[in-house]
Amino acid sequence: MTRVVESVAPEFEDVLTWEKVITNELAGAQRYQEFSKLLRRPVPVPSIVINGQLVFETIPGLEELKACIEQFRNKPFFSGQKRPDASQVTQEKPN
């Protein structure tokens, strides 16, 4: 999943920041728990969350991810406010 996000992120650098959340690290595990509570179910791993919305529970194709980011880009949130947070939840170990 990281490769897909890394591939499209440069095209959206004006409106996108992203972070890989590693669930086997304390901070990542805490973030995972918090988001699972908000969803009222365990967050799928891997997944992609944009602006607090779970948007992918499986690895999307490049074009599918681009289209999704474009939809968020066209929402009012993007006009003059801080960059959205796109987070990726994963169980990968850090390199």
PDB file of N, CA and C in Angstrom:
ATOM      1  N   MET A   1       0.823  -1.192   0.000  1.00  0.00           N
ATOM      2  CA  MET A   1       0.000   0.000   0.000  1.00  0.00           C
ATOM      3  C   MET A   1       0.865   1.253   0.000  1.00  0.00           C
ATOM      4  N   THR A   2       1.970   1.213   0.709  1.00  0.00           N
ATOM      5  CA  THR A   2       2.845   2.379   0.771  1.00  0.00           C
ATOM      6  C   THR A   2       3.300   2.797  -0.620  1.00  0.00           C
ATOM      7  N   ARG A   3       3.624   1.839  -1.458  1.00  0.00           N
ATOM      8  CA  ARG A   3       4.098   2.170  -2.810  1.00  0.00           C
ATOM      9  C   ARG A   3       3.041   2.912  -3.615  1.00  0.00           C
ATOM     10  N   VAL A   4       1.796   2.533  -3.461  1.00  0.00           N
ATOM     11  CA  VAL A   4       0.718   3.209  -4.197  1.00  0.00           C
ATOM     12  C   VAL A   4       0.619   4.659  -3.735  1.00  0.00           C
ATOM     13  N   VAL A   5       0.629   4.870  -2.427  1.00  0.00           N
ATOM     14  CA  VAL A   5       0.534   6.229  -1.889  1.00  0.00           C
ATOM     15  C   VAL A   5       1.757   7.042  -2.309  1.00  0.00           C
ATOM     16  N   GLU A   6       2.935   6.467  -2.188  1.00  0.00           N
ATOM     17  CA  GLU A   6       4.155   7.167  -2.588  1.00  0.00           C
ATOM     18  C   GLU A   6       4.138   7.534  -4.071  1.00  0.00           C
ATOM     19  N   SER A   7       3.505   6.714  -4.882  1.00  0.00           N
ATOM     20  CA  SER A   7       3.454   6.965  -6.322  1.00  0.00           C
ATOM     21  C   SER A   7       2.575   8.152  -6.681  1.00  0.00           C
ATOM     22  N   VAL A   8       1.487   8.342  -5.960  1.00  0.00           N
ATOM     23  CA  VAL A   8       0.566   9.428  -6.318  1.00  0.00           C
ATOM     24  C   VAL A   8       0.789  10.705  -5.512  1.00  0.00           C
ATOM     25  N   ALA A   9       1.425  10.609  -4.363  1.00  0.00           N
ATOM     26  CA  ALA A   9       1.604  11.774  -3.479  1.00  0.00           C
ATOM     27  C   ALA A   9       2.256  12.977  -4.172  1.00  0.00           C
ATOM     28  N   PRO A  10       3.301  12.794  -4.993  1.00  0.00           N
ATOM     29  CA  PRO A  10       3.920  13.964  -5.628  1.00  0.00           C
ATOM     30  C   PRO A  10       2.960  14.777  -6.511  1.00  0.00           C
ATOM     31  N   GLU A  11       1.980  14.134  -7.087  1.00  0.00           N
ATOM     32  CA  GLU A  11       1.012  14.835  -7.929  1.00  0.00           C
ATOM     33  C   GLU A  11       0.081  15.737  -7.116  1.00  0.00           C
ATOM     34  N   PHE A  12       0.004  15.484  -5.813  1.00  0.00           N
ATOM     35  CA  PHE A  12      -0.925  16.218  -4.961  1.00  0.00           C
ATOM     36  C   PHE A  12      -0.202  16.927  -3.816  1.00  0.00           C
ATOM     37  N   GLU A  13       1.087  17.207  -3.988  1.00  0.00           N
ATOM     38  CA  GLU A  13       1.861  17.771  -2.889  1.00  0.00           C
ATOM     39  C   GLU A  13       1.348  19.128  -2.419  1.00  0.00           C
ATOM     40  N   ASP A  14       0.575  19.818  -3.252  1.00  0.00           N
ATOM     41  CA  ASP A  14       0.017  21.108  -2.845  1.00  0.00           C
ATOM     42  C   ASP A  14      -1.161  20.954  -1.884  1.00  0.00           C
ATOM     43  N   VAL A  15      -1.775  19.775  -1.837  1.00  0.00           N
ATOM     44  CA  VAL A  15      -2.956  19.586  -0.987  1.00  0.00           C
ATOM     45  C   VAL A  15      -2.895  18.343  -0.104  1.00  0.00           C
ATOM     46  N   LEU A  16      -1.797  17.613  -0.137  1.00  0.00           N
ATOM     47  CA  LEU A  16      -1.767  16.330   0.551  1.00  0.00           C
ATOM     48  C   LEU A  16      -0.525  16.182   1.424  1.00  0.00           C
ATOM     49  N   THR A  17      -0.749  15.767   2.648  1.00  0.00           N
ATOM     50  CA  THR A  17       0.335  15.262   3.483  1.00  0.00           C
ATOM     51  C   THR A  17      -0.084  13.852   3.872  1.00  0.00           C
ATOM     52  N   TRP A  18       0.861  12.968   4.029  1.00  0.00           N
ATOM     53  CA  TRP A  18       0.498  11.607   4.391  1.00  0.00           C
ATOM     54  C   TRP A  18       1.506  11.046   5.374  1.00  0.00           C
ATOM     55  N   GLU A  19       1.056  10.053   6.074  1.00  0.00           N
ATOM     56  CA  GLU A  19       1.872   9.435   7.111  1.00  0.00           C
ATOM     57  C   GLU A  19       1.569   7.946   7.165  1.00  0.00           C
ATOM     58  N   LYS A  20       2.606   7.159   7.284  1.00  0.00           N
ATOM     59  CA  LYS A  20       2.426   5.727   7.473  1.00  0.00           C
ATOM     60  C   LYS A  20       2.333   5.473   8.975  1.00  0.00           C
ATOM     61  N   VAL A  21       1.250   4.853   9.410  1.00  0.00           N
ATOM     62  CA  VAL A  21       1.046   4.524  10.816  1.00  0.00           C
ATOM     63  C   VAL A  21       1.437   3.064  11.006  1.00  0.00           C
ATOM     64  N   ILE A  22       2.418   2.838  11.845  1.00  0.00           N
ATOM     65  CA  ILE A  22       2.909   1.489  12.089  1.00  0.00           C
ATOM     66  C   ILE A  22       2.294   1.007  13.395  1.00  0.00           C
ATOM     67  N   THR A  23       1.398   0.054  13.296  1.00  0.00           N
ATOM     68  CA  THR A  23       0.604  -0.348  14.460  1.00  0.00           C
ATOM     69  C   THR A  23       1.369  -1.141  15.509  1.00  0.00           C
ATOM     70  N   ASN A  24       2.554  -1.618  15.186  1.00  0.00           N
ATOM     71  CA  ASN A  24       3.309  -2.330  16.212  1.00  0.00           C
ATOM     72  C   ASN A  24       4.289  -1.403  16.938  1.00  0.00           C
ATOM     73  N   GLU A  25       4.126  -0.102  16.766  1.00  0.00           N
ATOM     74  CA  GLU A  25       4.826   0.913  17.546  1.00  0.00           C
ATOM     75  C   GLU A  25       3.791   1.591  18.432  1.00  0.00           C
ATOM     76  N   LEU A  26       4.191   2.081  19.592  1.00  0.00           N
ATOM     77  CA  LEU A  26       3.256   2.633  20.569  1.00  0.00           C
ATOM     78  C   LEU A  26       2.371   3.740  19.981  1.00  0.00           C
ATOM     79  N   ALA A  27       2.959   4.730  19.347  1.00  0.00           N
ATOM     80  CA  ALA A  27       2.166   5.837  18.799  1.00  0.00           C
ATOM     81  C   ALA A  27       1.177   5.341  17.744  1.00  0.00           C
ATOM     82  N   GLY A  28       1.611   4.427  16.895  1.00  0.00           N
ATOM     83  CA  GLY A  28       0.739   3.873  15.867  1.00  0.00           C
ATOM     84  C   GLY A  28      -0.378   3.043  16.455  1.00  0.00           C
ATOM     85  N   ALA A  29      -0.064   2.276  17.491  1.00  0.00           N
ATOM     86  CA  ALA A  29      -1.085   1.457  18.154  1.00  0.00           C
ATOM     87  C   ALA A  29      -2.134   2.339  18.812  1.00  0.00           C
ATOM     88  N   GLN A  30      -1.699   3.441  19.420  1.00  0.00           N
ATOM     89  CA  GLN A  30      -2.642   4.364  20.042  1.00  0.00           C
ATOM     90  C   GLN A  30      -3.538   5.021  18.991  1.00  0.00           C
ATOM     91  N   ARG A  31      -2.936   5.434  17.893  1.00  0.00           N
ATOM     92  CA  ARG A  31      -3.734   6.048  16.817  1.00  0.00           C
ATOM     93  C   ARG A  31      -4.730   5.034  16.250  1.00  0.00           C
ATOM     94  N   TYR A  32      -4.288   3.804  16.086  1.00  0.00           N
ATOM     95  CA  TYR A  32      -5.158   2.736  15.592  1.00  0.00           C
ATOM     96  C   TYR A  32      -6.345   2.547  16.534  1.00  0.00           C
ATOM     97  N   GLN A  33      -6.092   2.489  17.832  1.00  0.00           N
ATOM     98  CA  GLN A  33      -7.165   2.305  18.810  1.00  0.00           C
ATOM     99  C   GLN A  33      -8.154   3.467  18.779  1.00  0.00           C
ATOM    100  N   GLU A  34      -7.640   4.687  18.718  1.00  0.00           N
ATOM    101  CA  GLU A  34      -8.509   5.864  18.677  1.00  0.00           C
ATOM    102  C   GLU A  34      -9.413   5.837  17.451  1.00  0.00           C
ATOM    103  N   PHE A  35      -8.829   5.522  16.309  1.00  0.00           N
ATOM    104  CA  PHE A  35      -9.635   5.516  15.085  1.00  0.00           C
ATOM    105  C   PHE A  35     -10.617   4.351  15.078  1.00  0.00           C
ATOM    106  N   SER A  36     -10.217   3.213  15.633  1.00  0.00           N
ATOM    107  CA  SER A  36     -11.139   2.079  15.735  1.00  0.00           C
ATOM    108  C   SER A  36     -12.343   2.439  16.597  1.00  0.00           C
ATOM    109  N   LYS A  37     -12.111   3.192  17.674  1.00  0.00           N
ATOM    110  CA  LYS A  37     -13.228   3.642  18.514  1.00  0.00           C
ATOM    111  C   LYS A  37     -14.162   4.552  17.726  1.00  0.00           C
ATOM    112  N   LEU A  38     -13.590   5.458  16.936  1.00  0.00           N
ATOM    113  CA  LEU A  38     -14.425   6.348  16.122  1.00  0.00           C
ATOM    114  C   LEU A  38     -15.258   5.561  15.107  1.00  0.00           C
ATOM    115  N   LEU A  39     -14.649   4.546  14.522  1.00  0.00           N
ATOM    116  CA  LEU A  39     -15.360   3.719  13.534  1.00  0.00           C
ATOM    117  C   LEU A  39     -16.333   2.735  14.184  1.00  0.00           C
ATOM    118  N   ARG A  40     -16.114   2.485  15.469  1.00  0.00           N
ATOM    119  CA  ARG A  40     -16.884   1.489  16.223  1.00  0.00           C
ATOM    120  C   ARG A  40     -16.667   0.080  15.697  1.00  0.00           C
ATOM    121  N   ARG A  41     -15.472  -0.141  15.184  1.00  0.00           N
ATOM    122  CA  ARG A  41     -15.042  -1.459  14.726  1.00  0.00           C
ATOM    123  C   ARG A  41     -13.542  -1.384  14.477  1.00  0.00           C
ATOM    124  N   PRO A  42     -12.872  -2.505  14.454  1.00  0.00           N
ATOM    125  CA  PRO A  42     -11.430  -2.471  14.179  1.00  0.00           C
ATOM    126  C   PRO A  42     -11.153  -1.907  12.783  1.00  0.00           C
ATOM    127  N   VAL A  43     -10.169  -1.056  12.704  1.00  0.00           N
ATOM    128  CA  VAL A  43      -9.764  -0.505  11.411  1.00  0.00           C
ATOM    129  C   VAL A  43      -9.067  -1.614  10.628  1.00  0.00           C
ATOM    130  N   PRO A  44      -9.448  -1.817   9.379  1.00  0.00           N
ATOM    131  CA  PRO A  44      -8.770  -2.831   8.573  1.00  0.00           C
ATOM    132  C   PRO A  44      -7.293  -2.457   8.379  1.00  0.00           C
ATOM    133  N   VAL A  45      -6.463  -3.462   8.303  1.00  0.00           N
ATOM    134  CA  VAL A  45      -5.040  -3.252   8.060  1.00  0.00           C
ATOM    135  C   VAL A  45      -4.644  -4.063   6.853  1.00  0.00           C
ATOM    136  N   PRO A  46      -4.114  -3.428   5.800  1.00  0.00           N
ATOM    137  CA  PRO A  46      -3.860  -2.012   5.652  1.00  0.00           C
ATOM    138  C   PRO A  46      -5.127  -1.259   5.258  1.00  0.00           C
ATOM    139  N   SER A  47      -5.075   0.047   5.399  1.00  0.00           N
ATOM    140  CA  SER A  47      -6.192   0.888   4.968  1.00  0.00           C
ATOM    141  C   SER A  47      -5.680   2.292   4.716  1.00  0.00           C
ATOM    142  N   ILE A  48      -6.515   3.099   4.070  1.00  0.00           N
ATOM    143  CA  ILE A  48      -6.194   4.510   3.846  1.00  0.00           C
ATOM    144  C   ILE A  48      -7.337   5.339   4.408  1.00  0.00           C
ATOM    145  N   VAL A  49      -6.969   6.329   5.204  1.00  0.00           N
ATOM    146  CA  VAL A  49      -7.910   7.248   5.831  1.00  0.00           C
ATOM    147  C   VAL A  49      -7.591   8.641   5.321  1.00  0.00           C
ATOM    148  N   ILE A  50      -8.605   9.362   4.865  1.00  0.00           N
ATOM    149  CA  ILE A  50      -8.419  10.741   4.423  1.00  0.00           C
ATOM    150  C   ILE A  50      -9.390  11.615   5.193  1.00  0.00           C
ATOM    151  N   ASN A  51      -8.845  12.636   5.849  1.00  0.00           N
ATOM    152  CA  ASN A  51      -9.660  13.569   6.644  1.00  0.00           C
ATOM    153  C   ASN A  51     -10.599  12.838   7.596  1.00  0.00           C
ATOM    154  N   GLY A  52     -10.103  11.804   8.220  1.00  0.00           N
ATOM    155  CA  GLY A  52     -10.896  11.084   9.198  1.00  0.00           C
ATOM    156  C   GLY A  52     -11.887  10.093   8.629  1.00  0.00           C
ATOM    157  N   GLN A  53     -11.880   9.917   7.318  1.00  0.00           N
ATOM    158  CA  GLN A  53     -12.788   8.965   6.675  1.00  0.00           C
ATOM    159  C   GLN A  53     -12.000   7.769   6.155  1.00  0.00           C
ATOM    160  N   LEU A  54     -12.471   6.591   6.490  1.00  0.00           N
ATOM    161  CA  LEU A  54     -11.873   5.377   5.952  1.00  0.00           C
ATOM    162  C   LEU A  54     -12.291   5.279   4.489  1.00  0.00           C
ATOM    163  N   VAL A  55     -11.328   5.388   3.580  1.00  0.00           N
ATOM    164  CA  VAL A  55     -11.674   5.391   2.157  1.00  0.00           C
ATOM    165  C   VAL A  55     -11.241   4.135   1.417  1.00  0.00           C
ATOM    166  N   PHE A  56     -10.238   3.423   1.942  1.00  0.00           N
ATOM    167  CA  PHE A  56      -9.820   2.175   1.312  1.00  0.00           C
ATOM    168  C   PHE A  56      -9.499   1.145   2.381  1.00  0.00           C
ATOM    169  N   GLU A  57     -10.077  -0.039   2.229  1.00  0.00           N
ATOM    170  CA  GLU A  57      -9.796  -1.160   3.124  1.00  0.00           C
ATOM    171  C   GLU A  57      -8.902  -2.194   2.441  1.00  0.00           C
ATOM    172  N   THR A  58      -8.636  -1.976   1.184  1.00  0.00           N
ATOM    173  CA  THR A  58      -7.733  -2.822   0.400  1.00  0.00           C
ATOM    174  C   THR A  58      -6.851  -1.890  -0.417  1.00  0.00           C
ATOM    175  N   ILE A  59      -5.830  -2.435  -1.012  1.00  0.00           N
ATOM    176  CA  ILE A  59      -4.907  -1.617  -1.800  1.00  0.00           C
ATOM    177  C   ILE A  59      -5.607  -1.148  -3.074  1.00  0.00           C
ATOM    178  N   PRO A  60      -5.736   0.169  -3.252  1.00  0.00           N
ATOM    179  CA  PRO A  60      -6.380   0.678  -4.464  1.00  0.00           C
ATOM    180  C   PRO A  60      -5.384   0.726  -5.628  1.00  0.00           C
ATOM    181  N   GLY A  61      -5.921   0.805  -6.820  1.00  0.00           N
ATOM    182  CA  GLY A  61      -5.079   1.055  -7.983  1.00  0.00           C
ATOM    183  C   GLY A  61      -4.676   2.522  -7.992  1.00  0.00           C
ATOM    184  N   LEU A  62      -3.658   2.846  -8.769  1.00  0.00           N
ATOM    185  CA  LEU A  62      -3.189   4.233  -8.835  1.00  0.00           C
ATOM    186  C   LEU A  62      -4.299   5.186  -9.247  1.00  0.00           C
ATOM    187  N   GLU A  63      -5.018   4.841 -10.295  1.00  0.00           N
ATOM    188  CA  GLU A  63      -6.069   5.729 -10.799  1.00  0.00           C
ATOM    189  C   GLU A  63      -7.221   5.861  -9.806  1.00  0.00           C
ATOM    190  N   GLU A  64      -7.526   4.774  -9.113  1.00  0.00           N
ATOM    191  CA  GLU A  64      -8.593   4.807  -8.111  1.00  0.00           C
ATOM    192  C   GLU A  64      -8.218   5.745  -6.955  1.00  0.00           C
ATOM    193  N   LEU A  65      -6.965   5.675  -6.504  1.00  0.00           N
ATOM    194  CA  LEU A  65      -6.511   6.552  -5.430  1.00  0.00           C
ATOM    195  C   LEU A  65      -6.485   8.004  -5.891  1.00  0.00           C
ATOM    196  N   LYS A  66      -6.002   8.245  -7.097  1.00  0.00           N
ATOM    197  CA  LYS A  66      -5.984   9.611  -7.632  1.00  0.00           C
ATOM    198  C   LYS A  66      -7.397  10.186  -7.691  1.00  0.00           C
ATOM    199  N   ALA A  67      -8.339   9.397  -8.174  1.00  0.00           N
ATOM    200  CA  ALA A  67      -9.728   9.864  -8.277  1.00  0.00           C
ATOM    201  C   ALA A  67     -10.290  10.188  -6.895  1.00  0.00           C
ATOM    202  N   CYS A  68      -9.966   9.381  -5.909  1.00  0.00           N
ATOM    203  CA  CYS A  68     -10.440   9.612  -4.552  1.00  0.00           C
ATOM    204  C   CYS A  68      -9.866  10.920  -4.000  1.00  0.00           C
ATOM    205  N   ILE A  69      -8.573  11.130  -4.183  1.00  0.00           N
ATOM    206  CA  ILE A  69      -7.944  12.368  -3.712  1.00  0.00           C
ATOM    207  C   ILE A  69      -8.558  13.571  -4.424  1.00  0.00           C
ATOM    208  N   GLU A  70      -8.834  13.440  -5.703  1.00  0.00           N
ATOM    209  CA  GLU A  70      -9.481  14.531  -6.459  1.00  0.00           C
ATOM    210  C   GLU A  70     -10.846  14.869  -5.870  1.00  0.00           C
ATOM    211  N   GLN A  71     -11.596  13.858  -5.461  1.00  0.00           N
ATOM    212  CA  GLN A  71     -12.898  14.116  -4.846  1.00  0.00           C
ATOM    213  C   GLN A  71     -12.735  14.932  -3.573  1.00  0.00           C
ATOM    214  N   PHE A  72     -11.752  14.594  -2.758  1.00  0.00           N
ATOM    215  CA  PHE A  72     -11.505  15.359  -1.537  1.00  0.00           C
ATOM    216  C   PHE A  72     -10.989  16.754  -1.867  1.00  0.00           C
ATOM    217  N   ARG A  73     -10.199  16.871  -2.920  1.00  0.00           N
ATOM    218  CA  ARG A  73      -9.664  18.173  -3.328  1.00  0.00           C
ATOM    219  C   ARG A  73     -10.803  19.124  -3.680  1.00  0.00           C
ATOM    220  N   ASN A  74     -11.876  18.603  -4.227  1.00  0.00           N
ATOM    221  CA  ASN A  74     -12.995  19.432  -4.667  1.00  0.00           C
ATOM    222  C   ASN A  74     -13.977  19.775  -3.552  1.00  0.00           C
ATOM    223  N   LYS A  75     -13.751  19.263  -2.360  1.00  0.00           N
ATOM    224  CA  LYS A  75     -14.628  19.586  -1.230  1.00  0.00           C
ATOM    225  C   LYS A  75     -14.196  20.926  -0.638  1.00  0.00           C
ATOM    226  N   PRO A  76     -15.109  21.636   0.009  1.00  0.00           N
ATOM    227  CA  PRO A  76     -14.800  22.962   0.566  1.00  0.00           C
ATOM    228  C   PRO A  76     -13.615  22.985   1.513  1.00  0.00           C
ATOM    229  N   PHE A  77     -13.313  21.890   2.184  1.00  0.00           N
ATOM    230  CA  PHE A  77     -12.196  21.841   3.132  1.00  0.00           C
ATOM    231  C   PHE A  77     -10.902  22.338   2.514  1.00  0.00           C
ATOM    232  N   PHE A  78     -10.721  22.091   1.231  1.00  0.00           N
ATOM    233  CA  PHE A  78      -9.464  22.414   0.574  1.00  0.00           C
ATOM    234  C   PHE A  78      -9.274  23.897   0.294  1.00  0.00           C
ATOM    235  N   SER A  79     -10.307  24.701   0.361  1.00  0.00           N
ATOM    236  CA  SER A  79     -10.166  26.106  -0.005  1.00  0.00           C
ATOM    237  C   SER A  79      -9.641  26.925   1.170  1.00  0.00           C
ATOM    238  N   GLY A  80      -8.373  27.247   1.123  1.00  0.00           N
ATOM    239  CA  GLY A  80      -7.759  28.136   2.085  1.00  0.00           C
ATOM    240  C   GLY A  80      -7.481  27.568   3.468  1.00  0.00           C
ATOM    241  N   GLN A  81      -7.703  26.304   3.693  1.00  0.00           N
ATOM    242  CA  GLN A  81      -7.439  25.727   5.003  1.00  0.00           C
ATOM    243  C   GLN A  81      -6.174  24.894   4.957  1.00  0.00           C
ATOM    244  N   LYS A  82      -5.789  24.396   6.122  1.00  0.00           N
ATOM    245  CA  LYS A  82      -4.569  23.588   6.172  1.00  0.00           C
ATOM    246  C   LYS A  82      -4.717  22.327   5.343  1.00  0.00           C
ATOM    247  N   ARG A  83      -3.597  21.756   5.011  1.00  0.00           N
ATOM    248  CA  ARG A  83      -3.593  20.548   4.185  1.00  0.00           C
ATOM    249  C   ARG A  83      -4.255  19.391   4.921  1.00  0.00           C
ATOM    250  N   PRO A  84      -4.985  18.557   4.191  1.00  0.00           N
ATOM    251  CA  PRO A  84      -5.652  17.423   4.833  1.00  0.00           C
ATOM    252  C   PRO A  84      -4.659  16.368   5.265  1.00  0.00           C
ATOM    253  N   ASP A  85      -5.090  15.573   6.187  1.00  0.00           N
ATOM    254  CA  ASP A  85      -4.261  14.494   6.691  1.00  0.00           C
ATOM    255  C   ASP A  85      -4.724  13.197   6.055  1.00  0.00           C
ATOM    256  N   ALA A  86      -3.863  12.598   5.277  1.00  0.00           N
ATOM    257  CA  ALA A  86      -4.154  11.275   4.729  1.00  0.00           C
ATOM    258  C   ALA A  86      -3.253  10.307   5.459  1.00  0.00           C
ATOM    259  N   SER A  87      -3.831   9.398   6.144  1.00  0.00           N
ATOM    260  CA  SER A  87      -3.044   8.450   6.924  1.00  0.00           C
ATOM    261  C   SER A  87      -3.227   7.053   6.375  1.00  0.00           C
ATOM    262  N   GLN A  88      -2.193   6.308   6.504  1.00  0.00           N
ATOM    263  CA  GLN A  88      -2.226   4.927   6.073  1.00  0.00           C
ATOM    264  C   GLN A  88      -1.965   4.074   7.304  1.00  0.00           C
ATOM    265  N   VAL A  89      -2.820   3.111   7.543  1.00  0.00           N
ATOM    266  CA  VAL A  89      -2.631   2.211   8.669  1.00  0.00           C
ATOM    267  C   VAL A  89      -2.029   0.917   8.135  1.00  0.00           C
ATOM    268  N   THR A  90      -0.945   0.501   8.741  1.00  0.00           N
ATOM    269  CA  THR A  90      -0.271  -0.683   8.258  1.00  0.00           C
ATOM    270  C   THR A  90       0.401  -1.423   9.417  1.00  0.00           C
ATOM    271  N   GLN A  91       0.680  -2.671   9.245  1.00  0.00           N
ATOM    272  CA  GLN A  91       1.380  -3.436  10.265  1.00  0.00           C
ATOM    273  C   GLN A  91       2.821  -3.669   9.885  1.00  0.00           C
ATOM    274  N   GLU A  92       3.314  -2.933   8.913  1.00  0.00           N
ATOM    275  CA  GLU A  92       4.687  -3.114   8.478  1.00  0.00           C
ATOM    276  C   GLU A  92       5.646  -2.649   9.569  1.00  0.00           C
ATOM    277  N   LYS A  93       6.805  -3.259   9.588  1.00  0.00           N
ATOM    278  CA  LYS A  93       7.854  -2.831  10.513  1.00  0.00           C
ATOM    279  C   LYS A  93       8.656  -1.736   9.819  1.00  0.00           C
ATOM    280  N   PRO A  94       9.162  -0.772  10.591  1.00  0.00           N
ATOM    281  CA  PRO A  94       9.968   0.293   9.980  1.00  0.00           C
ATOM    282  C   PRO A  94      11.240  -0.274   9.369  1.00  0.00           C
ATOM    283  N   ASN A  95      11.719   0.399   8.327  1.00  0.00           N
ATOM    284  CA  ASN A  95      12.951  -0.043   7.645  1.00  0.00           C
ATOM    285  C   ASN A  95      14.169   0.299   8.455  1.00  0.00           C
TER     286      ASN A  95
END
